[in-house]
Protein backbone atom coordinates (compact mmCIF):
# COMPACT_ATOMS: atom_id res chain seq x y z
CA MET A 1 -25.98 32.12 1.52
CA LEU A 2 -28.76 29.59 2.99
CA THR A 3 -27.78 26.15 2.96
CA GLY A 4 -29.62 23.15 3.92
CA THR A 5 -29.57 19.24 3.59
CA PHE A 6 -31.91 17.61 0.96
CA THR A 7 -32.23 13.81 0.88
CA ILE A 8 -34.01 11.08 -1.37
CA VAL A 9 -34.54 7.59 -0.76
CA ALA A 10 -36.05 5.54 -3.63
CA ARG A 11 -36.96 2.05 -4.49
CA CYS A 12 -37.54 0.94 -8.10
CA LYS A 13 -40.84 -1.27 -8.17
CA THR A 14 -39.60 -3.33 -11.11
CA SER A 15 -36.19 -4.14 -10.09
CA GLY A 16 -36.32 -3.85 -6.41
CA GLN A 17 -33.16 -1.96 -6.44
CA LEU A 18 -32.40 0.89 -3.76
CA GLY A 19 -31.17 4.39 -4.12
CA VAL A 20 -30.05 6.85 -1.67
CA ALA A 21 -28.79 10.54 -2.68
CA THR A 22 -27.98 13.46 -0.23
CA SER A 23 -26.99 17.16 -0.79
CA THR A 24 -25.56 18.99 1.89
CA ALA A 25 -23.19 21.80 2.91
CA ILE A 26 -21.23 19.41 5.21
CA PRO A 27 -18.12 17.85 3.63
CA ALA A 28 -18.43 13.93 2.83
CA GLY A 29 -22.10 14.05 3.84
CA GLY A 30 -23.01 11.40 1.65
CA ALA A 31 -20.50 8.86 3.56
CA ILE A 32 -22.53 9.36 6.77
CA CYS A 33 -26.13 9.85 5.84
CA PRO A 34 -27.24 6.65 4.04
CA PHE A 35 -27.78 3.31 5.62
CA VAL A 36 -28.80 0.55 3.08
CA SER A 37 -29.23 -3.10 3.68
CA ARG A 38 -31.38 -6.07 2.16
CA HIS A 39 -34.01 -4.74 4.15
CA GLY A 40 -34.16 -1.37 3.02
CA ALA A 41 -32.55 2.14 2.90
CA ILE A 42 -32.60 4.85 5.46
CA SER A 43 -30.93 8.37 5.29
CA THR A 44 -30.38 10.52 8.15
CA GLN A 45 -29.32 14.21 7.97
CA SER A 46 -25.90 15.94 7.86
CA PHE A 47 -25.42 16.27 11.77
CA ASN A 48 -26.94 13.09 12.28
CA ASN A 49 -27.29 10.45 14.96
CA PHE A 50 -26.09 7.20 13.62
CA TYR A 51 -28.23 5.01 16.04
CA PHE A 52 -31.05 6.50 13.45
CA GLY A 53 -29.67 4.45 10.95
CA ILE A 54 -28.64 1.42 12.73
CA ASP A 55 -31.68 1.19 14.84
CA GLY A 56 -33.81 1.80 11.52
CA GLN A 57 -32.34 -1.14 9.89
CA THR A 58 -32.78 -3.15 12.91
CA LEU A 59 -36.53 -2.57 12.77
CA LEU A 60 -36.70 -3.33 9.14
CA ALA A 61 -34.92 -6.63 9.66
CA GLU A 62 -37.63 -7.29 12.36
CA GLY A 63 -40.23 -6.54 9.83
CA VAL A 64 -41.65 -3.38 10.80
CA ALA A 65 -43.01 -1.13 8.21
CA ALA A 66 -41.09 1.69 6.77
CA PRO A 67 -43.71 4.31 7.76
CA SER A 68 -43.17 3.02 11.29
CA VAL A 69 -39.39 2.96 11.41
């Protein structure tokens, strides 16, 4: 059986609300992948480096554009 991790991050243009969903074979992957703040939402993958989310949130707070983060 092949397994994989799939993640989606979205923002509603009307309300500005953010959403993150993760599907993975790793138990409780949804507890370790998403990083959401008032600046934006980032999701790493299941075997993640937490600094990707932490540093990414810092960059968003500093005004760096999402595609660059």
